[in-house]
N, C-alpha and C. Protein backbone atom coordinates (compact mmCIF):
# COMPACT_ATOMS: atom_id res chain seq x y z
N MET A 1 0.86 -1.18 0.00
CA MET A 1 0.00 0.00 0.00
C MET A 1 0.90 1.24 0.00
N GLU A 2 0.54 2.22 -0.82
CA GLU A 2 1.29 3.47 -0.89
C GLU A 2 0.50 4.58 -0.22
N HIS A 3 1.21 5.65 0.15
CA HIS A 3 0.59 6.77 0.86
C HIS A 3 0.77 8.05 0.05
N LYS A 4 -0.25 8.90 0.06
CA LYS A 4 -0.20 10.19 -0.63
C LYS A 4 -0.56 11.29 0.36
N SER A 5 0.25 12.33 0.41
CA SER A 5 -0.05 13.56 1.15
C SER A 5 -0.14 14.67 0.12
N PHE A 6 -1.15 15.50 0.24
CA PHE A 6 -1.40 16.56 -0.74
C PHE A 6 -1.81 17.83 -0.02
N VAL A 7 -1.18 18.94 -0.35
CA VAL A 7 -1.54 20.24 0.22
C VAL A 7 -2.50 20.92 -0.75
N PRO A 8 -3.78 21.04 -0.36
CA PRO A 8 -4.78 21.63 -1.25
C PRO A 8 -4.63 23.15 -1.36
N SER A 9 -5.25 23.71 -2.37
CA SER A 9 -5.17 25.15 -2.61
C SER A 9 -6.56 25.75 -2.71
N GLY A 10 -6.76 26.89 -2.05
CA GLY A 10 -8.01 27.62 -2.17
C GLY A 10 -9.18 27.09 -1.37
N VAL A 11 -8.90 26.21 -0.40
CA VAL A 11 -9.97 25.62 0.42
C VAL A 11 -9.58 25.68 1.90
N CYS A 12 -10.51 25.32 2.76
CA CYS A 12 -10.26 25.36 4.20
C CYS A 12 -9.36 24.23 4.68
N ALA A 13 -9.45 23.06 4.06
CA ALA A 13 -8.59 21.95 4.46
C ALA A 13 -7.14 22.33 4.19
N ARG A 14 -6.26 21.93 5.10
CA ARG A 14 -4.83 22.25 4.97
C ARG A 14 -4.01 21.07 4.44
N LEU A 15 -4.57 19.87 4.56
CA LEU A 15 -3.85 18.68 4.12
C LEU A 15 -4.84 17.57 3.81
N ILE A 16 -4.57 16.82 2.75
CA ILE A 16 -5.35 15.65 2.39
C ILE A 16 -4.38 14.48 2.34
N GLU A 17 -4.73 13.39 3.05
CA GLU A 17 -3.89 12.20 3.06
C GLU A 17 -4.73 10.97 2.80
N PHE A 18 -4.16 10.02 2.08
CA PHE A 18 -4.84 8.75 1.86
C PHE A 18 -3.82 7.69 1.46
N ASP A 19 -4.23 6.45 1.62
CA ASP A 19 -3.47 5.30 1.15
C ASP A 19 -4.18 4.79 -0.09
N TYR A 20 -3.42 4.11 -0.95
CA TYR A 20 -4.03 3.53 -2.14
C TYR A 20 -3.30 2.25 -2.54
N GLN A 21 -4.09 1.37 -3.11
CA GLN A 21 -3.56 0.09 -3.57
C GLN A 21 -4.50 -0.46 -4.63
N ASP A 22 -3.93 -0.97 -5.71
CA ASP A 22 -4.71 -1.58 -6.79
C ASP A 22 -5.82 -0.65 -7.28
N GLY A 23 -5.54 0.65 -7.35
CA GLY A 23 -6.50 1.61 -7.88
C GLY A 23 -7.62 1.99 -6.93
N LYS A 24 -7.52 1.59 -5.67
CA LYS A 24 -8.55 1.89 -4.67
C LYS A 24 -7.98 2.78 -3.57
N ILE A 25 -8.86 3.58 -2.98
CA ILE A 25 -8.48 4.55 -1.94
C ILE A 25 -8.87 4.03 -0.56
N TYR A 26 -7.97 4.28 0.41
CA TYR A 26 -8.20 3.84 1.79
C TYR A 26 -7.71 4.92 2.75
N ASN A 27 -8.26 4.92 3.95
CA ASN A 27 -7.79 5.77 5.05
C ASN A 27 -7.72 7.25 4.68
N LEU A 28 -8.73 7.74 3.97
CA LEU A 28 -8.77 9.14 3.56
C LEU A 28 -8.98 10.03 4.78
N LYS A 29 -8.12 11.06 4.89
CA LYS A 29 -8.20 11.98 6.03
C LYS A 29 -7.92 13.40 5.55
N PHE A 30 -8.77 14.32 5.96
CA PHE A 30 -8.59 15.74 5.70
C PHE A 30 -8.18 16.40 7.01
N THR A 31 -7.21 17.30 6.97
CA THR A 31 -6.86 18.11 8.13
C THR A 31 -7.39 19.51 7.86
N GLY A 32 -8.25 19.99 8.75
CA GLY A 32 -8.93 21.27 8.54
C GLY A 32 -10.20 21.06 7.73
N GLY A 33 -10.89 22.13 7.44
CA GLY A 33 -12.14 22.04 6.68
C GLY A 33 -13.32 21.69 7.57
N CYS A 34 -14.40 21.31 6.96
CA CYS A 34 -15.65 20.96 7.66
C CYS A 34 -15.53 19.54 8.20
N ASN A 35 -15.16 19.42 9.43
CA ASN A 35 -14.77 18.16 10.05
C ASN A 35 -15.78 17.03 9.81
N GLY A 36 -17.02 17.23 10.17
CA GLY A 36 -18.01 16.16 10.05
C GLY A 36 -18.23 15.73 8.61
N ASN A 37 -18.37 16.70 7.72
CA ASN A 37 -18.60 16.38 6.31
C ASN A 37 -17.41 15.65 5.70
N LEU A 38 -16.22 16.08 6.03
CA LEU A 38 -15.04 15.46 5.43
C LEU A 38 -14.76 14.07 6.01
N LYS A 39 -15.13 13.84 7.27
CA LYS A 39 -15.05 12.48 7.82
C LYS A 39 -16.02 11.57 7.08
N ALA A 40 -17.20 12.08 6.79
CA ALA A 40 -18.20 11.29 6.05
C ALA A 40 -17.70 10.96 4.65
N ILE A 41 -17.07 11.92 3.98
CA ILE A 41 -16.50 11.67 2.64
C ILE A 41 -15.47 10.54 2.73
N GLY A 42 -14.65 10.58 3.77
CA GLY A 42 -13.66 9.51 3.96
C GLY A 42 -14.30 8.14 4.09
N LYS A 43 -15.38 8.06 4.83
CA LYS A 43 -16.09 6.79 5.00
C LYS A 43 -16.72 6.34 3.69
N LEU A 44 -17.31 7.27 2.96
CA LEU A 44 -17.96 6.93 1.69
C LEU A 44 -16.96 6.47 0.63
N CYS A 45 -15.76 7.02 0.66
CA CYS A 45 -14.75 6.69 -0.35
C CYS A 45 -13.94 5.44 -0.01
N GLU A 46 -14.02 4.95 1.21
CA GLU A 46 -13.20 3.82 1.65
C GLU A 46 -13.36 2.61 0.73
N GLY A 47 -12.25 2.18 0.13
CA GLY A 47 -12.26 1.02 -0.74
C GLY A 47 -12.78 1.27 -2.14
N MET A 48 -13.13 2.50 -2.45
CA MET A 48 -13.70 2.84 -3.76
C MET A 48 -12.59 2.98 -4.81
N GLU A 49 -12.93 2.64 -6.04
CA GLU A 49 -12.00 2.84 -7.15
C GLU A 49 -11.71 4.34 -7.25
N MET A 50 -10.44 4.70 -7.33
CA MET A 50 -10.06 6.10 -7.38
C MET A 50 -10.63 6.80 -8.61
N GLU A 51 -10.70 6.12 -9.73
CA GLU A 51 -11.28 6.73 -10.93
C GLU A 51 -12.75 7.09 -10.71
N LYS A 52 -13.46 6.26 -9.96
CA LYS A 52 -14.87 6.55 -9.66
C LYS A 52 -14.98 7.76 -8.74
N VAL A 53 -14.10 7.88 -7.75
CA VAL A 53 -14.10 9.04 -6.86
C VAL A 53 -13.92 10.31 -7.69
N VAL A 54 -12.97 10.29 -8.61
CA VAL A 54 -12.73 11.46 -9.47
C VAL A 54 -13.97 11.78 -10.29
N LYS A 55 -14.56 10.76 -10.88
CA LYS A 55 -15.74 10.96 -11.73
C LYS A 55 -16.89 11.60 -10.96
N ILE A 56 -17.08 11.19 -9.72
CA ILE A 56 -18.19 11.69 -8.91
C ILE A 56 -17.92 13.09 -8.35
N LEU A 57 -16.70 13.34 -7.87
CA LEU A 57 -16.42 14.55 -7.09
C LEU A 57 -15.74 15.68 -7.85
N GLU A 58 -15.14 15.40 -9.00
CA GLU A 58 -14.41 16.44 -9.72
C GLU A 58 -15.33 17.58 -10.13
N GLY A 59 -14.88 18.80 -9.90
CA GLY A 59 -15.65 19.98 -10.28
C GLY A 59 -16.62 20.47 -9.22
N ASN A 60 -16.75 19.73 -8.11
CA ASN A 60 -17.62 20.18 -7.02
C ASN A 60 -17.06 21.47 -6.43
N THR A 61 -17.93 22.45 -6.21
CA THR A 61 -17.48 23.73 -5.68
C THR A 61 -18.05 23.98 -4.28
N CYS A 62 -17.45 24.94 -3.57
CA CYS A 62 -17.87 25.30 -2.22
C CYS A 62 -18.02 26.82 -2.15
N ARG A 63 -19.19 27.24 -1.77
CA ARG A 63 -19.49 28.67 -1.67
C ARG A 63 -19.14 29.39 -2.96
N GLU A 64 -18.44 30.51 -2.89
CA GLU A 64 -18.12 31.28 -4.09
C GLU A 64 -16.82 30.81 -4.75
N ARG A 65 -16.19 29.80 -4.20
CA ARG A 65 -14.92 29.30 -4.75
C ARG A 65 -15.18 28.46 -6.01
N ASN A 66 -14.17 28.35 -6.84
CA ASN A 66 -14.31 27.49 -8.02
C ASN A 66 -13.76 26.09 -7.77
N THR A 67 -13.57 25.75 -6.49
CA THR A 67 -13.09 24.44 -6.08
C THR A 67 -13.69 24.10 -4.72
N SER A 68 -13.35 22.97 -4.18
CA SER A 68 -13.80 22.54 -2.85
C SER A 68 -12.78 21.54 -2.32
N CYS A 69 -12.94 21.15 -1.08
CA CYS A 69 -12.03 20.16 -0.51
C CYS A 69 -12.07 18.85 -1.31
N VAL A 70 -13.26 18.41 -1.71
CA VAL A 70 -13.34 17.16 -2.47
C VAL A 70 -12.85 17.34 -3.90
N ASP A 71 -13.00 18.51 -4.48
CA ASP A 71 -12.43 18.78 -5.80
C ASP A 71 -10.90 18.73 -5.70
N GLN A 72 -10.35 19.25 -4.63
CA GLN A 72 -8.91 19.16 -4.42
C GLN A 72 -8.46 17.71 -4.23
N LEU A 73 -9.31 16.91 -3.58
CA LEU A 73 -9.03 15.48 -3.45
C LEU A 73 -8.86 14.85 -4.84
N THR A 74 -9.71 15.22 -5.78
CA THR A 74 -9.61 14.64 -7.12
C THR A 74 -8.27 15.01 -7.77
N LYS A 75 -7.76 16.19 -7.49
CA LYS A 75 -6.46 16.59 -8.02
C LYS A 75 -5.35 15.73 -7.42
N ALA A 76 -5.46 15.43 -6.12
CA ALA A 76 -4.49 14.56 -5.46
C ALA A 76 -4.53 13.15 -6.06
N ILE A 77 -5.73 12.66 -6.28
CA ILE A 77 -5.89 11.31 -6.85
C ILE A 77 -5.32 11.27 -8.27
N LYS A 78 -5.62 12.28 -9.07
CA LYS A 78 -5.11 12.31 -10.44
C LYS A 78 -3.59 12.32 -10.46
N GLY A 79 -2.98 12.86 -9.39
CA GLY A 79 -1.53 12.86 -9.30
C GLY A 79 -0.92 11.47 -9.14
N VAL A 80 -1.71 10.51 -8.71
CA VAL A 80 -1.19 9.16 -8.55
C VAL A 80 -1.74 8.17 -9.58
N LEU A 81 -2.72 8.58 -10.34
CA LEU A 81 -3.28 7.68 -11.38
C LEU A 81 -2.40 7.65 -12.61
């Protein structure tokens, strides 16, 4: 299993970390941001194909921003695909 740490840009989360193996995501954790919502995203993504996570979450925005914590997650995932 490999580990990815990613510093997001333009969002409240300060760090995104996850493990991945065989194209699937595990142990997703956000530092900062909307704690409850981001914990739920981690649970929903556990064991999911990374390509599916990108397909579902890419382009999601937050408030007036043109990105979001989960959109930044897709950028981190694309960096390892």
